[in-house]
N, C-alpha and C. Protein backbone atom coordinates (compact mmCIF):
# COMPACT_ATOMS: atom_id res chain seq x y z
N MET A 1 60.39 96.29 131.61
CA MET A 1 60.61 96.64 133.00
C MET A 1 60.57 98.17 133.14
N LYS A 2 60.14 98.62 134.29
CA LYS A 2 60.08 100.06 134.58
C LYS A 2 61.28 100.41 135.47
N LEU A 3 62.19 101.21 134.91
CA LEU A 3 63.46 101.51 135.57
C LEU A 3 63.50 102.96 136.07
N LEU A 4 63.75 103.12 137.35
CA LEU A 4 63.96 104.44 137.94
C LEU A 4 65.46 104.69 137.99
N LEU A 5 65.91 105.74 137.33
CA LEU A 5 67.33 106.06 137.27
C LEU A 5 67.77 106.84 138.51
N ASP A 6 68.75 106.31 139.21
CA ASP A 6 69.36 107.06 140.30
C ASP A 6 70.03 108.28 139.66
N THR A 7 70.24 109.31 140.42
CA THR A 7 70.78 110.56 139.87
C THR A 7 72.07 110.32 139.10
N HIS A 8 73.01 109.60 139.69
CA HIS A 8 74.29 109.39 139.01
C HIS A 8 74.11 108.56 137.74
N VAL A 9 73.20 107.62 137.73
CA VAL A 9 72.96 106.81 136.54
C VAL A 9 72.39 107.69 135.42
N TRP A 10 71.46 108.57 135.77
CA TRP A 10 70.91 109.50 134.78
C TRP A 10 72.01 110.38 134.20
N LEU A 11 72.85 110.94 135.08
CA LEU A 11 73.93 111.81 134.62
C LEU A 11 74.96 111.04 133.80
N TRP A 12 75.35 109.86 134.26
CA TRP A 12 76.31 109.06 133.51
C TRP A 12 75.75 108.70 132.14
N SER A 13 74.47 108.35 132.07
CA SER A 13 73.88 107.96 130.78
C SER A 13 73.96 109.10 129.77
N LEU A 14 73.94 110.31 130.26
CA LEU A 14 73.99 111.49 129.38
C LEU A 14 75.41 111.98 129.13
N LEU A 15 76.25 111.94 130.16
CA LEU A 15 77.57 112.57 130.09
C LEU A 15 78.74 111.60 130.01
N GLU A 16 78.61 110.43 130.61
CA GLU A 16 79.71 109.46 130.66
C GLU A 16 79.16 108.04 130.57
N PRO A 17 78.51 107.69 129.46
CA PRO A 17 77.85 106.38 129.38
C PRO A 17 78.78 105.19 129.60
N ASN A 18 80.07 105.35 129.37
CA ASN A 18 81.01 104.24 129.58
C ASN A 18 81.19 103.88 131.05
N ARG A 19 80.70 104.72 131.95
CA ARG A 19 80.77 104.40 133.38
C ARG A 19 79.73 103.36 133.76
N LEU A 20 78.74 103.18 132.90
CA LEU A 20 77.68 102.20 133.15
C LEU A 20 78.11 100.83 132.64
N ALA A 21 77.65 99.78 133.30
CA ALA A 21 77.87 98.42 132.80
C ALA A 21 77.25 98.33 131.42
N ALA A 22 77.89 97.56 130.54
CA ALA A 22 77.41 97.42 129.16
C ALA A 22 75.97 96.96 129.12
N LYS A 23 75.59 96.02 129.98
CA LYS A 23 74.21 95.51 129.98
C LYS A 23 73.21 96.61 130.36
N VAL A 24 73.60 97.48 131.27
CA VAL A 24 72.72 98.58 131.68
C VAL A 24 72.65 99.62 130.56
N ARG A 25 73.78 99.94 129.98
CA ARG A 25 73.81 100.90 128.87
C ARG A 25 72.89 100.43 127.75
N ARG A 26 72.96 99.15 127.40
CA ARG A 26 72.09 98.60 126.35
C ARG A 26 70.62 98.71 126.73
N ARG A 27 70.30 98.42 127.99
CA ARG A 27 68.90 98.51 128.43
C ARG A 27 68.38 99.94 128.32
N LEU A 28 69.22 100.90 128.64
CA LEU A 28 68.80 102.29 128.57
C LEU A 28 68.65 102.76 127.13
N GLU A 29 69.44 102.20 126.24
CA GLU A 29 69.45 102.64 124.84
C GLU A 29 68.39 101.97 123.97
N THR A 30 67.98 100.75 124.30
CA THR A 30 67.10 99.99 123.40
C THR A 30 65.67 100.50 123.38
N GLY A 31 65.22 101.09 124.48
CA GLY A 31 63.83 101.54 124.54
C GLY A 31 62.87 100.44 124.94
N ALA A 32 63.38 99.24 125.23
CA ALA A 32 62.52 98.14 125.64
C ALA A 32 61.96 98.36 127.05
N ASP A 33 62.71 99.06 127.89
CA ASP A 33 62.28 99.36 129.25
C ASP A 33 61.77 100.80 129.30
N SER A 34 60.80 101.05 130.18
CA SER A 34 60.39 102.44 130.36
C SER A 34 61.30 103.06 131.43
N LEU A 35 61.79 104.24 131.13
CA LEU A 35 62.74 104.93 132.01
C LEU A 35 62.03 106.03 132.78
N TRP A 36 62.30 106.08 134.06
CA TRP A 36 61.65 107.01 134.97
C TRP A 36 62.71 107.83 135.70
N LEU A 37 62.33 109.04 136.09
CA LEU A 37 63.24 109.94 136.81
C LEU A 37 62.45 110.67 137.89
N SER A 38 63.04 110.74 139.05
CA SER A 38 62.42 111.47 140.16
C SER A 38 62.81 112.94 140.08
N PRO A 39 61.92 113.84 140.49
CA PRO A 39 62.31 115.25 140.57
C PRO A 39 63.46 115.46 141.55
N ILE A 40 63.65 114.52 142.46
CA ILE A 40 64.78 114.59 143.39
C ILE A 40 66.10 114.54 142.62
N SER A 41 66.15 113.75 141.55
CA SER A 41 67.37 113.65 140.74
C SER A 41 67.66 114.95 140.00
N VAL A 42 66.62 115.60 139.53
CA VAL A 42 66.81 116.90 138.88
C VAL A 42 67.33 117.90 139.90
N TRP A 43 66.74 117.89 141.09
CA TRP A 43 67.19 118.77 142.18
C TRP A 43 68.65 118.49 142.52
N GLU A 44 69.01 117.20 142.63
CA GLU A 44 70.40 116.86 142.95
C GLU A 44 71.36 117.32 141.86
N ALA A 45 70.98 117.16 140.60
CA ALA A 45 71.85 117.60 139.50
C ALA A 45 72.06 119.11 139.56
N CYS A 46 71.00 119.86 139.82
CA CYS A 46 71.13 121.32 139.94
C CYS A 46 72.03 121.68 141.12
N LEU A 47 71.88 120.97 142.22
CA LEU A 47 72.70 121.21 143.40
C LEU A 47 74.16 120.91 143.12
N LEU A 48 74.44 119.81 142.43
CA LEU A 48 75.81 119.47 142.07
C LEU A 48 76.43 120.55 141.18
N ALA A 49 75.65 121.07 140.24
CA ALA A 49 76.14 122.14 139.36
C ALA A 49 76.43 123.41 140.17
N GLU A 50 75.51 123.75 141.08
CA GLU A 50 75.71 124.94 141.91
C GLU A 50 76.98 124.84 142.75
N ARG A 51 77.29 123.65 143.22
CA ARG A 51 78.45 123.43 144.08
C ARG A 51 79.74 123.18 143.30
N GLY A 52 79.64 123.21 141.97
CA GLY A 52 80.82 123.01 141.14
C GLY A 52 81.26 121.56 141.02
N ARG A 53 80.41 120.62 141.41
CA ARG A 53 80.76 119.19 141.33
C ARG A 53 80.26 118.55 140.03
N LEU A 54 79.52 119.34 139.24
CA LEU A 54 79.03 118.89 137.94
C LEU A 54 79.21 120.05 136.97
N GLU A 55 80.01 119.80 135.94
CA GLU A 55 80.27 120.84 134.95
C GLU A 55 79.28 120.72 133.81
N LEU A 56 78.52 121.78 133.59
CA LEU A 56 77.53 121.80 132.52
C LEU A 56 77.90 122.88 131.52
N ASP A 57 77.45 122.73 130.28
CA ASP A 57 77.79 123.69 129.24
C ASP A 57 76.81 124.86 129.15
N ARG A 58 75.89 124.92 130.09
CA ARG A 58 74.89 126.00 130.14
C ARG A 58 74.30 126.04 131.54
N PRO A 59 73.50 127.03 131.85
CA PRO A 59 72.87 127.06 133.19
C PRO A 59 72.08 125.77 133.44
N ALA A 60 72.03 125.36 134.69
CA ALA A 60 71.44 124.07 135.06
C ALA A 60 70.02 123.89 134.54
N ALA A 61 69.18 124.90 134.67
CA ALA A 61 67.79 124.77 134.22
C ALA A 61 67.72 124.50 132.72
N ALA A 62 68.52 125.20 131.95
CA ALA A 62 68.54 125.00 130.50
C ALA A 62 69.13 123.64 130.16
N TRP A 63 70.15 123.21 130.91
CA TRP A 63 70.75 121.90 130.67
C TRP A 63 69.74 120.78 130.92
N VAL A 64 69.01 120.89 132.03
CA VAL A 64 68.00 119.88 132.37
C VAL A 64 66.95 119.80 131.27
N ASP A 65 66.46 120.95 130.82
CA ASP A 65 65.46 120.97 129.73
C ASP A 65 66.00 120.27 128.49
N ALA A 66 67.22 120.60 128.10
CA ALA A 66 67.82 120.00 126.90
C ALA A 66 68.03 118.49 127.10
N ALA A 67 68.49 118.10 128.28
CA ALA A 67 68.72 116.68 128.56
C ALA A 67 67.43 115.88 128.49
N LEU A 68 66.35 116.44 129.02
CA LEU A 68 65.08 115.73 129.02
C LEU A 68 64.45 115.69 127.63
N GLN A 69 64.77 116.65 126.79
CA GLN A 69 64.31 116.59 125.40
C GLN A 69 65.11 115.57 124.61
N ALA A 70 66.41 115.52 124.84
CA ALA A 70 67.29 114.60 124.11
C ALA A 70 67.06 113.15 124.53
N ALA A 71 66.80 112.93 125.79
CA ALA A 71 66.60 111.57 126.33
C ALA A 71 65.39 111.59 127.25
N PRO A 72 64.19 111.53 126.67
CA PRO A 72 62.97 111.64 127.48
C PRO A 72 62.82 110.50 128.49
N VAL A 73 62.30 110.84 129.63
CA VAL A 73 61.99 109.89 130.69
C VAL A 73 60.62 110.24 131.25
N ARG A 74 60.03 109.30 131.93
CA ARG A 74 58.75 109.55 132.60
C ARG A 74 59.03 110.11 133.99
N ASP A 75 58.11 110.93 134.47
CA ASP A 75 58.24 111.47 135.82
C ASP A 75 57.78 110.45 136.85
N ALA A 76 58.58 110.26 137.88
CA ALA A 76 58.19 109.46 139.04
C ALA A 76 57.74 110.49 140.08
N PRO A 77 56.44 110.74 140.17
CA PRO A 77 55.95 111.84 141.00
C PRO A 77 56.34 111.72 142.47
N LEU A 78 56.67 112.84 143.04
CA LEU A 78 56.96 112.93 144.46
C LEU A 78 55.63 113.21 145.16
N THR A 79 55.00 112.16 145.65
CA THR A 79 53.66 112.26 146.22
C THR A 79 53.71 112.18 147.74
N ARG A 80 52.56 112.39 148.35
CA ARG A 80 52.47 112.23 149.81
C ARG A 80 52.81 110.79 150.20
N GLN A 81 52.35 109.84 149.38
CA GLN A 81 52.63 108.43 149.66
C GLN A 81 54.14 108.16 149.62
N VAL A 82 54.84 108.77 148.67
CA VAL A 82 56.30 108.62 148.61
C VAL A 82 56.93 109.23 149.85
N ALA A 83 56.45 110.39 150.28
CA ALA A 83 57.00 111.05 151.47
C ALA A 83 56.83 110.16 152.70
N VAL A 84 55.66 109.57 152.87
CA VAL A 84 55.42 108.70 154.02
C VAL A 84 56.30 107.46 153.93
N GLU A 85 56.35 106.84 152.76
CA GLU A 85 57.16 105.62 152.56
C GLU A 85 58.64 105.90 152.81
N SER A 86 59.10 107.12 152.51
CA SER A 86 60.52 107.45 152.69
C SER A 86 60.96 107.30 154.14
N ARG A 87 60.02 107.40 155.05
CA ARG A 87 60.36 107.28 156.46
C ARG A 87 60.42 105.84 156.93
N SER A 88 59.88 104.90 156.13
CA SER A 88 59.93 103.49 156.55
C SER A 88 60.98 102.68 155.78
N VAL A 89 61.62 103.31 154.81
CA VAL A 89 62.68 102.64 154.06
C VAL A 89 63.88 102.48 154.97
N VAL A 90 64.42 101.27 155.01
CA VAL A 90 65.59 101.00 155.85
C VAL A 90 66.83 101.05 154.97
N LEU A 91 67.69 102.05 155.22
CA LEU A 91 68.95 102.21 154.50
C LEU A 91 70.08 102.26 155.53
N ARG A 92 71.29 102.00 155.07
CA ARG A 92 72.45 102.04 155.96
C ARG A 92 72.93 103.47 156.20
N HIS A 93 72.24 104.43 155.67
CA HIS A 93 72.58 105.83 155.84
C HIS A 93 71.29 106.63 155.84
N ASP A 94 71.39 107.91 156.09
CA ASP A 94 70.16 108.70 156.24
C ASP A 94 70.07 109.81 155.20
N ASP A 95 70.62 109.59 154.01
CA ASP A 95 70.55 110.58 152.94
C ASP A 95 69.10 110.74 152.49
N PRO A 96 68.51 111.91 152.68
CA PRO A 96 67.10 112.09 152.32
C PRO A 96 66.82 111.85 150.83
N ALA A 97 67.73 112.24 149.96
CA ALA A 97 67.52 112.02 148.52
C ALA A 97 67.42 110.53 148.22
N ASP A 98 68.30 109.74 148.81
CA ASP A 98 68.25 108.29 148.59
C ASP A 98 66.97 107.70 149.16
N ARG A 99 66.52 108.20 150.30
CA ARG A 99 65.27 107.72 150.88
C ARG A 99 64.10 107.99 149.92
N PHE A 100 64.07 109.17 149.32
CA PHE A 100 62.99 109.50 148.38
C PHE A 100 63.07 108.63 147.12
N LEU A 101 64.28 108.37 146.63
CA LEU A 101 64.42 107.52 145.45
C LEU A 101 63.96 106.10 145.75
N ALA A 102 64.39 105.56 146.88
CA ALA A 102 63.98 104.21 147.26
C ALA A 102 62.47 104.14 147.45
N ALA A 103 61.90 105.12 148.11
CA ALA A 103 60.46 105.15 148.34
C ALA A 103 59.70 105.29 147.02
N SER A 104 60.23 106.08 146.10
CA SER A 104 59.60 106.23 144.79
C SER A 104 59.56 104.90 144.05
N ALA A 105 60.65 104.14 144.13
CA ALA A 105 60.68 102.82 143.49
C ALA A 105 59.60 101.93 144.09
N LEU A 106 59.48 101.92 145.39
CA LEU A 106 58.49 101.08 146.06
C LEU A 106 57.06 101.49 145.72
N VAL A 107 56.77 102.77 145.84
CA VAL A 107 55.40 103.27 145.64
C VAL A 107 54.95 103.12 144.20
N HIS A 108 55.84 103.38 143.25
CA HIS A 108 55.46 103.38 141.84
C HIS A 108 55.76 102.05 141.13
N GLY A 109 56.24 101.06 141.87
CA GLY A 109 56.52 99.76 141.27
C GLY A 109 57.64 99.79 140.25
N LEU A 110 58.74 100.48 140.60
CA LEU A 110 59.88 100.66 139.71
C LEU A 110 61.10 99.91 140.24
N THR A 111 62.02 99.61 139.36
CA THR A 111 63.30 99.03 139.75
C THR A 111 64.34 100.15 139.71
N LEU A 112 65.01 100.38 140.82
CA LEU A 112 65.99 101.46 140.94
C LEU A 112 67.32 101.01 140.34
N VAL A 113 67.78 101.73 139.33
CA VAL A 113 69.07 101.45 138.70
C VAL A 113 70.10 102.35 139.38
N THR A 114 71.07 101.71 140.05
CA THR A 114 72.03 102.47 140.84
C THR A 114 73.36 101.73 140.92
N ALA A 115 74.41 102.49 141.20
CA ALA A 115 75.72 101.90 141.48
C ALA A 115 76.04 102.06 142.97
N ASP A 116 75.12 102.65 143.71
CA ASP A 116 75.31 102.90 145.14
C ASP A 116 75.12 101.60 145.93
N ARG A 117 76.19 101.10 146.51
CA ARG A 117 76.13 99.83 147.26
C ARG A 117 75.12 99.88 148.40
N ARG A 118 74.98 101.05 149.00
CA ARG A 118 74.05 101.15 150.12
C ARG A 118 72.60 100.98 149.64
N LEU A 119 72.29 101.51 148.47
CA LEU A 119 70.95 101.32 147.92
C LEU A 119 70.77 99.90 147.40
N LEU A 120 71.81 99.34 146.80
CA LEU A 120 71.73 97.97 146.31
C LEU A 120 71.50 96.98 147.46
N ALA A 121 71.92 97.35 148.66
CA ALA A 121 71.75 96.48 149.83
C ALA A 121 70.39 96.65 150.50
N ALA A 122 69.60 97.63 150.08
CA ALA A 122 68.29 97.86 150.70
C ALA A 122 67.40 96.64 150.44
N ARG A 123 66.86 96.09 151.48
CA ARG A 123 66.14 94.82 151.38
C ARG A 123 64.87 94.87 150.54
N ARG A 124 64.02 95.81 150.76
CA ARG A 124 62.71 95.81 150.09
C ARG A 124 62.71 96.49 148.74
N VAL A 125 63.76 97.19 148.42
CA VAL A 125 63.79 98.01 147.20
C VAL A 125 64.30 97.19 146.02
N PRO A 126 63.49 97.05 144.96
CA PRO A 126 63.99 96.33 143.77
C PRO A 126 65.07 97.18 143.08
N THR A 127 66.23 96.56 142.84
CA THR A 127 67.35 97.31 142.26
C THR A 127 67.97 96.54 141.10
N LEU A 128 68.70 97.31 140.29
CA LEU A 128 69.52 96.77 139.22
C LEU A 128 70.86 97.48 139.31
N SER A 129 71.94 96.71 139.43
CA SER A 129 73.26 97.31 139.56
C SER A 129 73.71 97.93 138.25
N ALA A 130 74.18 99.17 138.33
CA ALA A 130 74.63 99.91 137.15
C ALA A 130 76.08 99.61 136.82
N ARG A 131 76.75 98.80 137.59
CA ARG A 131 78.17 98.49 137.36
C ARG A 131 78.38 97.04 137.00
């Protein structure tokens, strides 16, 4: 399966893996599934660090580089098609980052791994609960 990691799932997998359901943790660790990451998640992680909501042991850019080397993922490109699809995704909220993640899953044929109930409730978006 091709799994798109929501930002918090990516961060938890690296920093707090016990926050993930055991079945999800195993899926991420076995290598049987291909793991994907949106540039939106990298942007969100940097933003969280800038705002003091994510504590990193080095500057955000260096942390991201080290994290991606330690746990490689494929890029889920932010394309024009993703941008257009983000406007037709129906979510219970209007968070642009979540819209881009949901649209990326749809456009690239990925399953979004998330603990966000609002994303899990999205009708057209294939999801896997991280809890």
